[in-house]
Amino acid sequence: MTEQEFLQVIYSGIKPGMDVQKPNKLSRILDVTQAGNIYYLIGEQNKKAVTKKDLREVYRHLSDGNLTNRKISEISGSSRPCNNSTVKWILSRFNLAEKDAKGNWHPTAKIQ
């Protein structure tokens, strides 16, 4: 699967109003912009976004076989820790990757 196909799976499937399961809460997709930012709400008023740049970086590491929980955290950045669980939700929800017991992410057959 190419990067463009990877992004297409995500952007064609993600819709405002979708619930995002977080470790301790439920979040909701608010909007997907033309630029590819996926906005979601944490709590009552805390609006966050996963960017297309973030997703491209995730794809690069996933396709190289080097995507780990730590790498997802680095991509998300310390100022956006909630993106970590949102990226993991996207990978799982759209069957793009699976996590092993050590926290390493592997592409599903869908993207190999």
C-alpha atoms as a PDB file:
ATOM      1  CA  MET A   1       0.000   0.000   0.000  1.00  0.00           C
ATOM      2  CA  THR A   2       1.331   3.406  -0.910  1.00  0.00           C
ATOM      3  CA  GLU A   3       1.248   6.423   1.372  1.00  0.00           C
ATOM      4  CA  GLN A   4      -1.569   7.880  -0.717  1.00  0.00           C
ATOM      5  CA  GLU A   5      -3.627   4.689  -0.362  1.00  0.00           C
ATOM      6  CA  PHE A   6      -2.931   4.643   3.392  1.00  0.00           C
ATOM      7  CA  LEU A   7      -4.226   8.200   3.719  1.00  0.00           C
ATOM      8  CA  GLN A   8      -7.205   7.427   1.473  1.00  0.00           C
ATOM      9  CA  VAL A   9      -8.303   4.562   3.753  1.00  0.00           C
ATOM     10  CA  ILE A  10      -8.209   6.922   6.732  1.00  0.00           C
ATOM     11  CA  TYR A  11      -9.826   9.962   5.130  1.00  0.00           C
ATOM     12  CA  SER A  12     -12.538   7.998   3.367  1.00  0.00           C
ATOM     13  CA  GLY A  13     -13.502   6.231   6.589  1.00  0.00           C
ATOM     14  CA  ILE A  14     -13.206   8.866   9.284  1.00  0.00           C
ATOM     15  CA  LYS A  15     -16.306  10.969   9.833  1.00  0.00           C
ATOM     16  CA  PRO A  16     -17.352  13.712  12.241  1.00  0.00           C
ATOM     17  CA  GLY A  17     -19.289  12.228  15.133  1.00  0.00           C
ATOM     18  CA  MET A  18     -17.274   8.992  15.290  1.00  0.00           C
ATOM     19  CA  ASP A  19     -16.357   7.923  18.815  1.00  0.00           C
ATOM     20  CA  VAL A  20     -12.655   7.509  19.557  1.00  0.00           C
ATOM     21  CA  GLN A  21     -11.977   5.103  22.401  1.00  0.00           C
ATOM     22  CA  LYS A  22      -9.231   6.457  24.654  1.00  0.00           C
ATOM     23  CA  PRO A  23      -7.690   4.541  27.565  1.00  0.00           C
ATOM     24  CA  ASN A  24      -9.725   6.401  30.194  1.00  0.00           C
ATOM     25  CA  LYS A  25     -12.354   8.286  28.200  1.00  0.00           C
ATOM     26  CA  LEU A  26     -14.296   8.526  25.052  1.00  0.00           C
ATOM     27  CA  SER A  27     -13.524  11.256  22.558  1.00  0.00           C
ATOM     28  CA  ARG A  28     -15.343  12.282  19.392  1.00  0.00           C
ATOM     29  CA  ILE A  29     -14.221  13.300  15.900  1.00  0.00           C
ATOM     30  CA  LEU A  30     -15.311  16.891  15.303  1.00  0.00           C
ATOM     31  CA  ASP A  31     -14.084  17.692  11.803  1.00  0.00           C
ATOM     32  CA  VAL A  32     -11.757  16.660   9.001  1.00  0.00           C
ATOM     33  CA  THR A  33     -10.403  19.689   7.147  1.00  0.00           C
ATOM     34  CA  GLN A  34      -9.341  20.101   3.516  1.00  0.00           C
ATOM     35  CA  ALA A  35      -5.741  20.254   4.765  1.00  0.00           C
ATOM     36  CA  GLY A  36      -6.185  16.810   6.323  1.00  0.00           C
ATOM     37  CA  ASN A  37      -6.326  17.792   9.973  1.00  0.00           C
ATOM     38  CA  ILE A  38      -8.507  15.446  11.999  1.00  0.00           C
ATOM     39  CA  TYR A  39      -9.967  17.412  14.901  1.00  0.00           C
ATOM     40  CA  TYR A  40     -11.338  15.657  17.950  1.00  0.00           C
ATOM     41  CA  LEU A  41     -12.620  16.695  21.343  1.00  0.00           C
ATOM     42  CA  ILE A  42     -11.184  15.689  24.702  1.00  0.00           C
ATOM     43  CA  GLY A  43     -13.565  16.430  27.538  1.00  0.00           C
ATOM     44  CA  GLU A  44     -16.009  19.268  27.084  1.00  0.00           C
ATOM     45  CA  GLN A  45     -13.832  21.900  25.375  1.00  0.00           C
ATOM     46  CA  ASN A  46     -10.326  20.608  24.660  1.00  0.00           C
ATOM     47  CA  LYS A  47      -9.992  20.474  20.859  1.00  0.00           C
ATOM     48  CA  LYS A  48      -6.963  18.610  19.428  1.00  0.00           C
ATOM     49  CA  ALA A  49      -5.840  17.596  15.923  1.00  0.00           C
ATOM     50  CA  VAL A  50      -3.899  14.825  14.231  1.00  0.00           C
ATOM     51  CA  THR A  51      -2.347  16.331  11.099  1.00  0.00           C
ATOM     52  CA  LYS A  52      -1.717  14.848   7.677  1.00  0.00           C
ATOM     53  CA  LYS A  53       1.999  15.362   8.397  1.00  0.00           C
ATOM     54  CA  ASP A  54       1.635  13.169  11.512  1.00  0.00           C
ATOM     55  CA  LEU A  55      -0.087  10.448   9.489  1.00  0.00           C
ATOM     56  CA  ARG A  56       2.584  10.556   6.775  1.00  0.00           C
ATOM     57  CA  GLU A  57       5.263  10.112   9.430  1.00  0.00           C
ATOM     58  CA  VAL A  58       3.341   7.196  10.962  1.00  0.00           C
ATOM     59  CA  TYR A  59       3.080   5.579   7.522  1.00  0.00           C
ATOM     60  CA  ARG A  60       6.806   6.008   6.882  1.00  0.00           C
ATOM     61  CA  HIS A  61       7.768   4.272  10.127  1.00  0.00           C
ATOM     62  CA  LEU A  62       5.103   1.594   9.727  1.00  0.00           C
ATOM     63  CA  SER A  63       6.199   0.718   6.208  1.00  0.00           C
ATOM     64  CA  ASP A  64       9.856   0.660   7.329  1.00  0.00           C
ATOM     65  CA  GLY A  65       8.957  -1.756  10.134  1.00  0.00           C
ATOM     66  CA  ASN A  66      10.014   0.733  12.811  1.00  0.00           C
ATOM     67  CA  LEU A  67       6.740   1.934  14.304  1.00  0.00           C
ATOM     68  CA  THR A  68       6.639   1.597  18.078  1.00  0.00           C
ATOM     69  CA  ASN A  69       4.549   3.145  20.828  1.00  0.00           C
ATOM     70  CA  ARG A  70       7.561   5.335  21.597  1.00  0.00           C
ATOM     71  CA  LYS A  71       7.799   6.493  17.968  1.00  0.00           C
ATOM     72  CA  ILE A  72       4.082   7.344  17.927  1.00  0.00           C
ATOM     73  CA  SER A  73       4.642   9.433  21.067  1.00  0.00           C
ATOM     74  CA  GLU A  74       7.565  11.212  19.403  1.00  0.00           C
ATOM     75  CA  ILE A  75       5.489  11.939  16.296  1.00  0.00           C
ATOM     76  CA  SER A  76       2.645  13.241  18.473  1.00  0.00           C
ATOM     77  CA  GLY A  77       5.023  15.444  20.440  1.00  0.00           C
ATOM     78  CA  SER A  78       5.030  16.297  24.104  1.00  0.00           C
ATOM     79  CA  SER A  79       2.574  19.148  23.550  1.00  0.00           C
ATOM     80  CA  ARG A  80      -0.009  16.785  22.005  1.00  0.00           C
ATOM     81  CA  PRO A  81       0.032  13.574  24.097  1.00  0.00           C
ATOM     82  CA  CYS A  82      -3.636  12.848  23.355  1.00  0.00           C
ATOM     83  CA  ASN A  83      -2.715  12.324  19.714  1.00  0.00           C
ATOM     84  CA  ASN A  84      -0.827   9.201  20.747  1.00  0.00           C
ATOM     85  CA  SER A  85      -4.000   7.264  21.553  1.00  0.00           C
ATOM     86  CA  THR A  86      -5.880   8.806  18.617  1.00  0.00           C
ATOM     87  CA  VAL A  87      -3.224   7.623  16.142  1.00  0.00           C
ATOM     88  CA  LYS A  88      -3.354   4.144  17.679  1.00  0.00           C
ATOM     89  CA  TRP A  89      -7.152   4.180  17.400  1.00  0.00           C
ATOM     90  CA  ILE A  90      -6.897   5.158  13.702  1.00  0.00           C
ATOM     91  CA  LEU A  91      -4.434   2.327  12.991  1.00  0.00           C
ATOM     92  CA  SER A  92      -6.668  -0.216  14.713  1.00  0.00           C
ATOM     93  CA  ARG A  93     -10.045   1.143  13.584  1.00  0.00           C
ATOM     94  CA  PHE A  94      -9.102   1.064   9.922  1.00  0.00           C
ATOM     95  CA  ASN A  95      -7.228  -2.238  10.202  1.00  0.00           C
ATOM     96  CA  LEU A  96      -3.947  -0.680   9.067  1.00  0.00           C
ATOM     97  CA  ALA A  97      -1.718  -2.079  11.811  1.00  0.00           C
ATOM     98  CA  GLU A  98      -1.663  -4.354  14.814  1.00  0.00           C
ATOM     99  CA  LYS A  99       0.314  -3.931  18.021  1.00  0.00           C
ATOM    100  CA  ASP A 100       2.284  -6.788  19.521  1.00  0.00           C
ATOM    101  CA  ALA A 101       2.901  -7.380  23.230  1.00  0.00           C
ATOM    102  CA  LYS A 102       6.121  -5.324  23.131  1.00  0.00           C
ATOM    103  CA  GLY A 103       4.409  -2.214  21.756  1.00  0.00           C
ATOM    104  CA  ASN A 104       5.650  -2.638  18.196  1.00  0.00           C
ATOM    105  CA  TRP A 105       3.187  -1.966  15.384  1.00  0.00           C
ATOM    106  CA  HIS A 106       3.075  -4.189  12.331  1.00  0.00           C
ATOM    107  CA  PRO A 107       1.224  -3.523   9.088  1.00  0.00           C
ATOM    108  CA  THR A 108      -1.773  -5.707   8.482  1.00  0.00           C
ATOM    109  CA  ALA A 109      -1.984  -7.597   5.224  1.00  0.00           C
ATOM    110  CA  LYS A 110      -3.989  -4.618   4.001  1.00  0.00           C
ATOM    111  CA  ILE A 111      -0.891  -2.410   3.716  1.00  0.00           C
ATOM    112  CA  GLN A 112       1.835  -4.887   2.849  1.00  0.00           C
END
